Every structure is written in C-alpha cells, then in structure tokens.
C-alpha cells in the first residue's frame, strides 16, 4: 500500500513507456509527413475528439471506480479481521474459566490465541498463493503444522481446529453455552471474512471492463494526432503524447488496484496487518518476542 502523499511517476513509467514511445514515433511521423511532404490527407479535422474523449473518460472513470471498490472492500475485510482477532483473544483470555494450577487448561487457552495468529498468517499466504508452513511451524511447532498439509485450504482447517478447541474447553467446563456461542459467532465471522477475500481473489473484474477500455484508449490515442495535426503542426506530438499519457495512466492505475491480493505496492498490506495482529495478541498473552512491526520502505508498505 502507498503511504506517501504523492505517487512517483517512475512507478507508472515501466507500464506505460512502451505504448507512449510507439505513439510518439507515430505522432512524429504524422507531423513530419504533414508538414514537409504535404500529406494533408492525414488530417481529419472533423474528428470529434472532444466528444470521444468525454465518453472515454466516463468509461475509464467507471472502471476505476469498480477497481477501487474491490481494493477498498479488501482493506475493510482485513480491518474487520484485526478487530475479530483481538476479540477472540480477549474472550479466550477472559471468558474461559481456567484453573491456573492446571497446565492443560492454561495451554488450551493460550493455544486458542496462537491458532488465531496462525489463521491470520495462513490467510495472507493463501490469498497470495505463498507457502504458509514456515510461518506455521514457528507458531504451532513442526508436528502440528505438518498435520495441516493434508488440507487444501489451510485457513479453513485452522478455523476447524479453533472450533474443536472451543468444544474441548466446553467439555472441560471452561465455557458455558452462552460464552461458547459468543466465541463461535466470532469463528463464523472469520469464515465470512475468508470467504469474502476468496471471492475477490477468485472473481476478477469482468474482462470487458479491462480489455475494452484499453482497446478504446489505444484507438483514441492513434486518432488524436490526426485530429490535431492541422491546427498544431510540429507541436502536435507534444500535445498528443500528453493526452495519451493521461488516458494510459488512468487505465494503468485502475489495472494496478483491481486485484488487491497480489503482493504489489498497490495492494492490501497484509504482511504489515498480520504482523501487527501477531504482536498485539502475543502482548495479550504476556509474551515478549523479538518481533517488529513491518515499516514502510520508501513510502510503501506490504
């Protein structure tokens, strides 16, 4: 996620320069042929550039709004995950009737919190299609982490474990039905958050909203020099490239944020959020571990 107030153009340039250089070459060719070789037939003064540009801008704005909606929903879901994780940890540490002299009960209570941390890291890796087991082995131990390898959906397996741990606590008399119901409702919230994230991940923006705007932008950029050459002459390439850059940049910006779980600088900062959740929950357990929050690098945080 971008934290700085301004967005550096060098971040846009790699995705736009090839198209802009081709368009610049075409613009210069049109200007030279029109001015020095009297190819006046290249000019299409009647071309309604203003009307076409307005219609295209509305289309691009609609696509940008749809892409931003996906990005913002992803951020809201992870904000809800932060709150739900804290609530589960608080309830586990305060609502369970734990006998301090019984190490099994203390371990079970703490395990619920640790498994919540594991769920958060597993969900991050699941959405980014990364290997979660190095993180899980450090949290759960190698044996319990390896037992999860039989599952295709690791976060879902961890919510199942959390439910089983709550059922075990209830069987031991650590939870009554009312408090068990409250904790189980939070597990359902976790499942809903995961399902919503998977929906965003697995359902791309309809291709007509991606391919059609790009095609129309390219077509418009090729037509711009033909509509401007008669009035601007050799200065036309400058104006044409500026117009083209504006439209291509809007198209690229929309494309960058439409998939918010791809581990780029534009995406939901799941690494920072999951690390923050782990730090908070470990503090609630009274653990002091050498973990640091993920800090922004050059104005970007992952």
C-alpha atoms as a PDB file:
ATOM      1  CA  UNK A   1       0.000   0.000   0.000  1.00  0.00           C
ATOM      2  CA  UNK A   2       1.211   3.504  -0.809  1.00  0.00           C
ATOM      3  CA  UNK A   3       1.619   5.769   2.231  1.00  0.00           C
ATOM      4  CA  UNK A   4       3.348   8.780   0.714  1.00  0.00           C
ATOM      5  CA  UNK A   5       1.345  11.862  -0.267  1.00  0.00           C
ATOM      6  CA  UNK A   6       2.499  11.775  -3.884  1.00  0.00           C
ATOM      7  CA  UNK A   7       2.836   8.892  -6.304  1.00  0.00           C
ATOM      8  CA  UNK A   8       6.145   8.870  -8.217  1.00  0.00           C
ATOM      9  CA  UNK A   9       5.809   8.808 -11.985  1.00  0.00           C
ATOM     10  CA  UNK A  10       8.630   6.277 -12.154  1.00  0.00           C
ATOM     11  CA  UNK A  11       6.136   3.734 -10.797  1.00  0.00           C
ATOM     12  CA  UNK A  12       3.844   4.339 -13.777  1.00  0.00           C
ATOM     13  CA  UNK A  13       6.586   4.665 -16.390  1.00  0.00           C
ATOM     14  CA  UNK A  14       7.517   0.945 -16.661  1.00  0.00           C
ATOM     15  CA  UNK A  15       3.911   0.071 -17.519  1.00  0.00           C
ATOM     16  CA  UNK A  16       3.370   2.909 -19.980  1.00  0.00           C
ATOM     17  CA  UNK A  17       6.632   3.771 -21.698  1.00  0.00           C
ATOM     18  CA  UNK A  18       6.415   1.184 -24.495  1.00  0.00           C
ATOM     19  CA  UNK A  19       2.973   2.353 -25.575  1.00  0.00           C
ATOM     20  CA  UNK A  20       3.994   6.003 -25.264  1.00  0.00           C
ATOM     21  CA  UNK A  21       7.176   5.566 -27.312  1.00  0.00           C
ATOM     22  CA  UNK A  22       5.256   3.855 -30.122  1.00  0.00           C
ATOM     23  CA  UNK A  23       2.654   6.624 -30.065  1.00  0.00           C
ATOM     24  CA  UNK A  24       5.353   9.308 -30.015  1.00  0.00           C
ATOM     25  CA  UNK A  25       7.007   7.761 -33.064  1.00  0.00           C
ATOM     26  CA  UNK A  26       3.648   7.709 -34.849  1.00  0.00           C
ATOM     27  CA  UNK A  27       2.938  11.321 -33.847  1.00  0.00           C
ATOM     28  CA  UNK A  28       6.321  12.491 -35.132  1.00  0.00           C
ATOM     29  CA  UNK A  29       5.834  10.605 -38.383  1.00  0.00           C
ATOM     30  CA  UNK A  30       2.417  12.196 -38.924  1.00  0.00           C
ATOM     31  CA  UNK A  31       3.804  15.668 -38.129  1.00  0.00           C
ATOM     32  CA  UNK A  32       6.756  15.236 -40.490  1.00  0.00           C
ATOM     33  CA  UNK A  33       4.692  13.828 -43.359  1.00  0.00           C
ATOM     34  CA  UNK A  34       2.035  16.525 -43.000  1.00  0.00           C
ATOM     35  CA  UNK A  35       4.493  19.438 -42.692  1.00  0.00           C
ATOM     36  CA  UNK A  36       7.358  18.505 -45.009  1.00  0.00           C
ATOM     37  CA  UNK A  37       5.706  16.233 -47.577  1.00  0.00           C
ATOM     38  CA  UNK A  38       2.296  17.913 -47.783  1.00  0.00           C
ATOM     39  CA  UNK A  39       0.369  14.770 -46.860  1.00  0.00           C
ATOM     40  CA  UNK A  40      -2.604  16.899 -45.883  1.00  0.00           C
ATOM     41  CA  UNK A  41      -4.955  13.977 -46.311  1.00  0.00           C
ATOM     42  CA  UNK A  42      -3.668  12.726 -42.940  1.00  0.00           C
ATOM     43  CA  UNK A  43      -5.638  15.476 -41.215  1.00  0.00           C
ATOM     44  CA  UNK A  44      -9.159  14.646 -40.047  1.00  0.00           C
ATOM     45  CA  UNK A  45     -10.284  18.000 -38.663  1.00  0.00           C
ATOM     46  CA  UNK A  46     -13.887  16.867 -38.397  1.00  0.00           C
ATOM     47  CA  UNK A  47     -12.890  14.146 -35.931  1.00  0.00           C
ATOM     48  CA  UNK A  48     -14.975  14.752 -32.753  1.00  0.00           C
ATOM     49  CA  UNK A  49     -12.051  14.320 -30.349  1.00  0.00           C
ATOM     50  CA  UNK A  50     -13.710  16.238 -27.513  1.00  0.00           C
ATOM     51  CA  UNK A  51     -16.870  14.144 -27.604  1.00  0.00           C
ATOM     52  CA  UNK A  52     -14.965  10.875 -27.954  1.00  0.00           C
ATOM     53  CA  UNK A  53     -12.612  11.876 -25.149  1.00  0.00           C
ATOM     54  CA  UNK A  54     -15.501  12.720 -22.835  1.00  0.00           C
ATOM     55  CA  UNK A  55     -17.205   9.386 -23.466  1.00  0.00           C
ATOM     56  CA  UNK A  56     -13.941   7.508 -22.979  1.00  0.00           C
ATOM     57  CA  UNK A  57     -13.209   9.358 -19.738  1.00  0.00           C
ATOM     58  CA  UNK A  58     -16.610   8.361 -18.338  1.00  0.00           C
ATOM     59  CA  UNK A  59     -15.919   4.732 -19.244  1.00  0.00           C
ATOM     60  CA  UNK A  60     -12.473   4.866 -17.624  1.00  0.00           C
ATOM     61  CA  UNK A  61     -13.921   6.504 -14.509  1.00  0.00           C
ATOM     62  CA  UNK A  62     -16.499   3.725 -14.216  1.00  0.00           C
ATOM     63  CA  UNK A  63     -13.763   1.097 -14.447  1.00  0.00           C
ATOM     64  CA  UNK A  64     -11.575   2.951 -11.945  1.00  0.00           C
ATOM     65  CA  UNK A  65     -14.498   3.129  -9.521  1.00  0.00           C
ATOM     66  CA  UNK A  66     -15.125  -0.624  -9.855  1.00  0.00           C
ATOM     67  CA  UNK A  67     -11.432  -1.382  -9.285  1.00  0.00           C
ATOM     68  CA  UNK A  68     -11.274   0.922  -6.262  1.00  0.00           C
ATOM     69  CA  UNK A  69     -14.393  -0.731  -4.840  1.00  0.00           C
ATOM     70  CA  UNK A  70     -12.609  -4.095  -4.873  1.00  0.00           C
ATOM     71  CA  UNK A  71      -9.482  -2.583  -3.283  1.00  0.00           C
ATOM     72  CA  UNK A  72     -11.456  -0.810  -0.555  1.00  0.00           C
ATOM     73  CA  UNK A  73     -13.550  -3.874   0.255  1.00  0.00           C
ATOM     74  CA  UNK A  74     -10.346  -5.896   0.689  1.00  0.00           C
ATOM     75  CA  UNK A  75      -8.992  -3.303   3.114  1.00  0.00           C
ATOM     76  CA  UNK A  76     -12.253  -3.264   5.074  1.00  0.00           C
ATOM     77  CA  UNK A  77     -12.210  -7.053   5.350  1.00  0.00           C
ATOM     78  CA  UNK A  78      -8.714  -7.023   6.791  1.00  0.00           C
ATOM     79  CA  UNK A  79      -9.696  -4.258   9.174  1.00  0.00           C
ATOM     80  CA  UNK A  80     -12.531  -6.488  10.353  1.00  0.00           C
ATOM     81  CA  UNK A  81     -10.040  -9.350  10.713  1.00  0.00           C
ATOM     82  CA  UNK A  82      -7.901  -7.185  13.015  1.00  0.00           C
ATOM     83  CA  UNK A  83     -10.897  -6.449  15.241  1.00  0.00           C
ATOM     84  CA  UNK A  84     -12.183 -10.028  15.259  1.00  0.00           C
ATOM     85  CA  UNK A  85      -8.744 -11.409  16.111  1.00  0.00           C
ATOM     86  CA  UNK A  86      -8.477  -9.102  19.106  1.00  0.00           C
ATOM     87  CA  UNK A  87     -11.994 -10.043  20.210  1.00  0.00           C
ATOM     88  CA  UNK A  88     -11.254 -13.778  20.035  1.00  0.00           C
ATOM     89  CA  UNK A  89      -8.036 -13.346  22.010  1.00  0.00           C
ATOM     90  CA  UNK A  90      -9.754 -11.192  24.637  1.00  0.00           C
ATOM     91  CA  UNK A  91     -12.605 -13.662  25.036  1.00  0.00           C
ATOM     92  CA  UNK A  92     -10.221 -16.617  25.252  1.00  0.00           C
ATOM     93  CA  UNK A  93      -8.187 -14.889  27.955  1.00  0.00           C
ATOM     94  CA  UNK A  94     -11.095 -13.523  29.989  1.00  0.00           C
ATOM     95  CA  UNK A  95     -14.185 -15.649  29.309  1.00  0.00           C
ATOM     96  CA  UNK A  96     -12.664 -19.100  29.813  1.00  0.00           C
ATOM     97  CA  UNK A  97     -12.724 -20.387  33.395  1.00  0.00           C
ATOM     98  CA  UNK A  98      -9.131 -21.581  33.623  1.00  0.00           C
ATOM     99  CA  UNK A  99      -7.625 -23.205  36.695  1.00  0.00           C
ATOM    100  CA  UNK A 100      -4.132 -21.658  36.930  1.00  0.00           C
ATOM    101  CA  UNK A 101      -2.910 -24.833  38.618  1.00  0.00           C
ATOM    102  CA  UNK A 102      -3.968 -26.971  35.647  1.00  0.00           C
ATOM    103  CA  UNK A 103      -1.300 -26.685  32.922  1.00  0.00           C
ATOM    104  CA  UNK A 104      -3.551 -28.397  30.358  1.00  0.00           C
ATOM    105  CA  UNK A 105      -6.232 -25.745  30.734  1.00  0.00           C
ATOM    106  CA  UNK A 106      -3.688 -22.925  30.556  1.00  0.00           C
ATOM    107  CA  UNK A 107      -2.144 -24.469  27.440  1.00  0.00           C
ATOM    108  CA  UNK A 108      -5.550 -24.889  25.797  1.00  0.00           C
ATOM    109  CA  UNK A 109      -6.457 -21.267  26.460  1.00  0.00           C
ATOM    110  CA  UNK A 110      -3.154 -19.988  25.059  1.00  0.00           C
ATOM    111  CA  UNK A 111      -3.412 -22.351  22.091  1.00  0.00           C
ATOM    112  CA  UNK A 112      -6.661 -20.718  21.033  1.00  0.00           C
ATOM    113  CA  UNK A 113      -4.889 -17.364  20.781  1.00  0.00           C
ATOM    114  CA  UNK A 114      -1.879 -18.869  18.985  1.00  0.00           C
ATOM    115  CA  UNK A 115      -4.132 -20.608  16.467  1.00  0.00           C
ATOM    116  CA  UNK A 116      -5.848 -17.299  15.787  1.00  0.00           C
ATOM    117  CA  UNK A 117      -2.450 -15.805  14.931  1.00  0.00           C
ATOM    118  CA  UNK A 118      -1.765 -18.829  12.732  1.00  0.00           C
ATOM    119  CA  UNK A 119      -5.078 -18.306  10.927  1.00  0.00           C
ATOM    120  CA  UNK A 120      -4.163 -14.716  10.063  1.00  0.00           C
ATOM    121  CA  UNK A 121      -0.776 -15.666   8.603  1.00  0.00           C
ATOM    122  CA  UNK A 122      -2.287 -18.651   6.784  1.00  0.00           C
ATOM    123  CA  UNK A 123      -4.977 -16.471   5.211  1.00  0.00           C
ATOM    124  CA  UNK A 124      -2.353 -13.999   3.984  1.00  0.00           C
ATOM    125  CA  UNK A 125      -0.318 -16.787   2.380  1.00  0.00           C
ATOM    126  CA  UNK A 126      -3.477 -18.411   0.999  1.00  0.00           C
ATOM    127  CA  UNK A 127      -4.520 -15.213  -0.782  1.00  0.00           C
ATOM    128  CA  UNK A 128      -1.022 -14.584  -2.133  1.00  0.00           C
ATOM    129  CA  UNK A 129      -0.524 -18.254  -3.052  1.00  0.00           C
ATOM    130  CA  UNK A 130       2.563 -18.477  -0.856  1.00  0.00           C
ATOM    131  CA  UNK A 131       3.822 -21.344   1.300  1.00  0.00           C
ATOM    132  CA  UNK A 132       2.423 -20.857   4.840  1.00  0.00           C
ATOM    133  CA  UNK A 133       4.276 -23.697   6.565  1.00  0.00           C
ATOM    134  CA  UNK A 134       7.470 -21.834   7.571  1.00  0.00           C
ATOM    135  CA  UNK A 135       5.275 -19.344   9.478  1.00  0.00           C
ATOM    136  CA  UNK A 136       3.001 -22.046  10.883  1.00  0.00           C
ATOM    137  CA  UNK A 137       5.890 -24.227  12.064  1.00  0.00           C
ATOM    138  CA  UNK A 138       7.243 -21.304  14.079  1.00  0.00           C
ATOM    139  CA  UNK A 139       3.856 -20.723  15.694  1.00  0.00           C
ATOM    140  CA  UNK A 140       2.431 -24.211  16.152  1.00  0.00           C
ATOM    141  CA  UNK A 141       5.508 -26.407  16.073  1.00  0.00           C
ATOM    142  CA  UNK A 142       6.613 -28.594  13.186  1.00  0.00           C
ATOM    143  CA  UNK A 143       4.397 -31.563  14.082  1.00  0.00           C
ATOM    144  CA  UNK A 144       1.117 -29.660  14.344  1.00  0.00           C
ATOM    145  CA  UNK A 145       1.951 -27.589  11.266  1.00  0.00           C
ATOM    146  CA  UNK A 146       2.749 -30.692   9.195  1.00  0.00           C
ATOM    147  CA  UNK A 147      -0.596 -32.199  10.192  1.00  0.00           C
ATOM    148  CA  UNK A 148      -2.237 -29.403   8.184  1.00  0.00           C
ATOM    149  CA  UNK A 149      -0.582 -30.456   4.920  1.00  0.00           C
ATOM    150  CA  UNK A 150      -3.448 -32.830   4.137  1.00  0.00           C
ATOM    151  CA  UNK A 151      -5.791 -29.849   3.745  1.00  0.00           C
ATOM    152  CA  UNK A 152      -6.120 -27.859   0.524  1.00  0.00           C
ATOM    153  CA  UNK A 153      -7.499 -24.838   2.394  1.00  0.00           C
ATOM    154  CA  UNK A 154      -5.224 -24.194   5.380  1.00  0.00           C
ATOM    155  CA  UNK A 155      -7.118 -21.194   6.866  1.00  0.00           C
ATOM    156  CA  UNK A 156     -10.347 -23.176   6.853  1.00  0.00           C
ATOM    157  CA  UNK A 157      -8.575 -26.079   8.574  1.00  0.00           C
ATOM    158  CA  UNK A 158      -7.382 -23.685  11.276  1.00  0.00           C
ATOM    159  CA  UNK A 159     -10.902 -22.385  11.933  1.00  0.00           C
ATOM    160  CA  UNK A 160     -11.941 -26.027  12.297  1.00  0.00           C
ATOM    161  CA  UNK A 161      -9.179 -26.510  14.872  1.00  0.00           C
ATOM    162  CA  UNK A 162     -10.290 -23.404  16.718  1.00  0.00           C
ATOM    163  CA  UNK A 163     -13.830 -24.752  16.827  1.00  0.00           C
ATOM    164  CA  UNK A 164     -12.573 -28.087  18.140  1.00  0.00           C
ATOM    165  CA  UNK A 165     -10.563 -26.307  20.832  1.00  0.00           C
ATOM    166  CA  UNK A 166     -13.643 -24.374  21.927  1.00  0.00           C
ATOM    167  CA  UNK A 167     -15.616 -27.606  22.048  1.00  0.00           C
ATOM    168  CA  UNK A 168     -12.857 -29.154  24.164  1.00  0.00           C
ATOM    169  CA  UNK A 169     -12.932 -26.183  26.536  1.00  0.00           C
ATOM    170  CA  UNK A 170     -16.692 -26.531  26.814  1.00  0.00           C
ATOM    171  CA  UNK A 171     -16.381 -30.245  27.592  1.00  0.00           C
ATOM    172  CA  UNK A 172     -13.881 -29.434  30.359  1.00  0.00           C
ATOM    173  CA  UNK A 173     -16.298 -26.976  31.935  1.00  0.00           C
ATOM    174  CA  UNK A 174     -14.218 -23.943  30.961  1.00  0.00           C
ATOM    175  CA  UNK A 175     -17.063 -22.481  28.877  1.00  0.00           C
ATOM    176  CA  UNK A 176     -20.794 -22.324  29.382  1.00  0.00           C
ATOM    177  CA  UNK A 177     -23.192 -22.368  26.442  1.00  0.00           C
ATOM    178  CA  UNK A 178     -23.616 -18.589  26.317  1.00  0.00           C
ATOM    179  CA  UNK A 179     -19.901 -17.800  26.174  1.00  0.00           C
ATOM    180  CA  UNK A 180     -19.271 -20.673  23.764  1.00  0.00           C
ATOM    181  CA  UNK A 181     -21.949 -19.250  21.462  1.00  0.00           C
ATOM    182  CA  UNK A 182     -20.279 -15.821  21.529  1.00  0.00           C
ATOM    183  CA  UNK A 183     -16.863 -17.241  20.651  1.00  0.00           C
ATOM    184  CA  UNK A 184     -18.322 -19.474  17.959  1.00  0.00           C
ATOM    185  CA  UNK A 185     -20.004 -16.444  16.390  1.00  0.00           C
ATOM    186  CA  UNK A 186     -16.574 -14.856  16.020  1.00  0.00           C
ATOM    187  CA  UNK A 187     -15.328 -18.003  14.274  1.00  0.00           C
ATOM    188  CA  UNK A 188     -18.227 -17.610  11.849  1.00  0.00           C
ATOM    189  CA  UNK A 189     -17.082 -14.028  11.287  1.00  0.00           C
ATOM    190  CA  UNK A 190     -13.610 -15.353  10.435  1.00  0.00           C
ATOM    191  CA  UNK A 191     -15.148 -17.740   7.913  1.00  0.00           C
ATOM    192  CA  UNK A 192     -17.156 -14.896   6.371  1.00  0.00           C
ATOM    193  CA  UNK A 193     -14.047 -12.713   6.091  1.00  0.00           C
ATOM    194  CA  UNK A 194     -12.115 -15.528   4.441  1.00  0.00           C
ATOM    195  CA  UNK A 195     -14.960 -16.254   2.036  1.00  0.00           C
ATOM    196  CA  UNK A 196     -15.253 -12.603   1.020  1.00  0.00           C
ATOM    197  CA  UNK A 197     -11.497 -12.369   0.432  1.00  0.00           C
ATOM    198  CA  UNK A 198     -11.599 -15.534  -1.677  1.00  0.00           C
ATOM    199  CA  UNK A 199     -14.479 -14.081  -3.691  1.00  0.00           C
ATOM    200  CA  UNK A 200     -12.404 -11.020  -4.552  1.00  0.00           C
ATOM    201  CA  UNK A 201      -9.350 -13.159  -5.269  1.00  0.00           C
ATOM    202  CA  UNK A 202     -11.110 -15.709  -7.472  1.00  0.00           C
ATOM    203  CA  UNK A 203     -13.546 -13.411  -9.276  1.00  0.00           C
ATOM    204  CA  UNK A 204     -11.648 -10.979 -11.479  1.00  0.00           C
ATOM    205  CA  UNK A 205     -13.167  -7.784 -12.767  1.00  0.00           C
ATOM    206  CA  UNK A 206     -15.201  -8.736 -15.880  1.00  0.00           C
ATOM    207  CA  UNK A 207     -12.826  -8.810 -18.821  1.00  0.00           C
ATOM    208  CA  UNK A 208     -14.977  -6.395 -20.804  1.00  0.00           C
ATOM    209  CA  UNK A 209     -14.114  -3.768 -18.181  1.00  0.00           C
ATOM    210  CA  UNK A 210     -10.398  -4.464 -18.662  1.00  0.00           C
ATOM    211  CA  UNK A 211      -9.875  -5.223 -22.334  1.00  0.00           C
ATOM    212  CA  UNK A 212     -12.455  -2.876 -23.863  1.00  0.00           C
ATOM    213  CA  UNK A 213     -11.239   0.331 -22.137  1.00  0.00           C
ATOM    214  CA  UNK A 214      -7.657  -0.483 -23.110  1.00  0.00           C
ATOM    215  CA  UNK A 215      -8.682  -1.067 -26.723  1.00  0.00           C
ATOM    216  CA  UNK A 216     -10.643   2.191 -26.815  1.00  0.00           C
ATOM    217  CA  UNK A 217      -7.766   4.106 -25.215  1.00  0.00           C
ATOM    218  CA  UNK A 218      -5.355   2.763 -27.820  1.00  0.00           C
ATOM    219  CA  UNK A 219      -7.727   3.628 -30.667  1.00  0.00           C
ATOM    220  CA  UNK A 220      -8.288   7.137 -29.332  1.00  0.00           C
ATOM    221  CA  UNK A 221      -4.555   7.729 -28.900  1.00  0.00           C
ATOM    222  CA  UNK A 222      -3.955   6.738 -32.536  1.00  0.00           C
ATOM    223  CA  UNK A 223      -6.685   9.134 -33.705  1.00  0.00           C
ATOM    224  CA  UNK A 224      -5.550  12.147 -31.651  1.00  0.00           C
ATOM    225  CA  UNK A 225      -2.630  13.161 -33.932  1.00  0.00           C
ATOM    226  CA  UNK A 226      -4.884  13.005 -36.996  1.00  0.00           C
ATOM    227  CA  UNK A 227      -7.341  15.395 -35.383  1.00  0.00           C
ATOM    228  CA  UNK A 228      -4.720  17.842 -34.065  1.00  0.00           C
ATOM    229  CA  UNK A 229      -2.144  17.998 -36.848  1.00  0.00           C
ATOM    230  CA  UNK A 230      -3.857  20.665 -38.957  1.00  0.00           C
ATOM    231  CA  UNK A 231      -4.142  23.103 -36.088  1.00  0.00           C
ATOM    232  CA  UNK A 232      -0.859  22.433 -34.253  1.00  0.00           C
ATOM    233  CA  UNK A 233       1.644  21.393 -36.890  1.00  0.00           C
ATOM    234  CA  UNK A 234       5.005  20.301 -35.498  1.00  0.00           C
ATOM    235  CA  UNK A 235       3.845  20.970 -31.919  1.00  0.00           C
ATOM    236  CA  UNK A 236       1.222  18.240 -32.248  1.00  0.00           C
ATOM    237  CA  UNK A 237       3.373  15.342 -30.910  1.00  0.00           C
ATOM    238  CA  UNK A 238       3.774  17.106 -27.552  1.00  0.00           C
ATOM    239  CA  UNK A 239       0.040  17.609 -27.061  1.00  0.00           C
ATOM    240  CA  UNK A 240      -0.764  14.149 -28.374  1.00  0.00           C
ATOM    241  CA  UNK A 241       1.668  12.399 -26.033  1.00  0.00           C
ATOM    242  CA  UNK A 242       0.371  14.350 -23.026  1.00  0.00           C
ATOM    243  CA  UNK A 243      -3.213  13.368 -23.828  1.00  0.00           C
ATOM    244  CA  UNK A 244      -2.171   9.767 -24.415  1.00  0.00           C
ATOM    245  CA  UNK A 245      -0.186   9.630 -21.179  1.00  0.00           C
ATOM    246  CA  UNK A 246      -3.173  10.881 -19.176  1.00  0.00           C
ATOM    247  CA  UNK A 247      -5.500   8.215 -20.533  1.00  0.00           C
ATOM    248  CA  UNK A 248      -2.945   5.403 -20.358  1.00  0.00           C
ATOM    249  CA  UNK A 249      -2.029   6.368 -16.774  1.00  0.00           C
ATOM    250  CA  UNK A 250      -5.685   6.209 -15.692  1.00  0.00           C
ATOM    251  CA  UNK A 251      -6.016   2.816 -17.365  1.00  0.00           C
ATOM    252  CA  UNK A 252      -2.825   1.551 -15.692  1.00  0.00           C
ATOM    253  CA  UNK A 253      -3.843   2.886 -12.263  1.00  0.00           C
ATOM    254  CA  UNK A 254      -7.159   1.037 -12.445  1.00  0.00           C
ATOM    255  CA  UNK A 255      -5.427  -2.144 -13.524  1.00  0.00           C
ATOM    256  CA  UNK A 256      -2.957  -1.883 -10.629  1.00  0.00           C
ATOM    257  CA  UNK A 257      -5.581  -1.892  -7.854  1.00  0.00           C
ATOM    258  CA  UNK A 258      -8.246  -4.220  -9.251  1.00  0.00           C
ATOM    259  CA  UNK A 259      -6.569  -7.318  -7.739  1.00  0.00           C
ATOM    260  CA  UNK A 260      -5.710  -6.327  -4.133  1.00  0.00           C
ATOM    261  CA  UNK A 261      -4.094  -9.618  -3.037  1.00  0.00           C
ATOM    262  CA  UNK A 262      -1.172  -9.868  -5.482  1.00  0.00           C
ATOM    263  CA  UNK A 263       1.629  -8.675  -3.146  1.00  0.00           C
ATOM    264  CA  UNK A 264       2.426  -5.467  -5.021  1.00  0.00           C
ATOM    265  CA  UNK A 265       2.868  -1.939  -3.661  1.00  0.00           C
ATOM    266  CA  UNK A 266      -0.733  -1.150  -4.630  1.00  0.00           C
ATOM    267  CA  UNK A 267      -2.328  -3.970  -2.636  1.00  0.00           C
ATOM    268  CA  UNK A 268      -3.754  -4.515   0.837  1.00  0.00           C
ATOM    269  CA  UNK A 269      -0.746  -4.504   3.229  1.00  0.00           C
ATOM    270  CA  UNK A 270      -1.446  -7.979   4.592  1.00  0.00           C
ATOM    271  CA  UNK A 271       2.123  -8.562   5.798  1.00  0.00           C
ATOM    272  CA  UNK A 272       2.011  -5.454   7.980  1.00  0.00           C
ATOM    273  CA  UNK A 273      -1.506  -6.193   9.207  1.00  0.00           C
ATOM    274  CA  UNK A 274      -0.814  -9.833  10.056  1.00  0.00           C
ATOM    275  CA  UNK A 275       2.405  -8.892  11.846  1.00  0.00           C
ATOM    276  CA  UNK A 276       0.521  -6.232  13.787  1.00  0.00           C
ATOM    277  CA  UNK A 277      -2.134  -8.760  14.808  1.00  0.00           C
ATOM    278  CA  UNK A 278       0.546 -11.194  15.962  1.00  0.00           C
ATOM    279  CA  UNK A 279       2.295  -8.534  18.043  1.00  0.00           C
ATOM    280  CA  UNK A 280      -0.963  -7.468  19.686  1.00  0.00           C
ATOM    281  CA  UNK A 281      -2.101 -10.996  20.501  1.00  0.00           C
ATOM    282  CA  UNK A 282       1.305 -12.012  21.842  1.00  0.00           C
ATOM    283  CA  UNK A 283       1.237  -8.966  24.115  1.00  0.00           C
ATOM    284  CA  UNK A 284      -2.197 -10.050  25.336  1.00  0.00           C
ATOM    285  CA  UNK A 285      -0.670 -13.432  26.180  1.00  0.00           C
ATOM    286  CA  UNK A 286       2.076 -11.674  28.117  1.00  0.00           C
ATOM    287  CA  UNK A 287       4.760 -12.795  25.683  1.00  0.00           C
ATOM    288  CA  UNK A 288       7.685 -10.571  24.805  1.00  0.00           C
ATOM    289  CA  UNK A 289       9.056 -11.708  21.476  1.00  0.00           C
ATOM    290  CA  UNK A 290      11.666 -10.063  19.220  1.00  0.00           C
ATOM    291  CA  UNK A 291       9.159  -9.076  16.545  1.00  0.00           C
ATOM    292  CA  UNK A 292       8.978  -5.672  14.951  1.00  0.00           C
ATOM    293  CA  UNK A 293       6.172  -4.087  13.056  1.00  0.00           C
ATOM    294  CA  UNK A 294       6.567  -4.004   9.290  1.00  0.00           C
ATOM    295  CA  UNK A 295       7.721  -0.492   8.472  1.00  0.00           C
ATOM    296  CA  UNK A 296       7.219   1.472   5.290  1.00  0.00           C
ATOM    297  CA  UNK A 297      10.061   1.369   2.779  1.00  0.00           C
ATOM    298  CA  UNK A 298      10.340   4.398   0.505  1.00  0.00           C
ATOM    299  CA  UNK A 299       6.710   5.246   1.252  1.00  0.00           C
ATOM    300  CA  UNK A 300       5.368   1.743   0.537  1.00  0.00           C
ATOM    301  CA  UNK A 301       4.214  -0.961   2.936  1.00  0.00           C
ATOM    302  CA  UNK A 302       3.366  -4.590   2.154  1.00  0.00           C
END
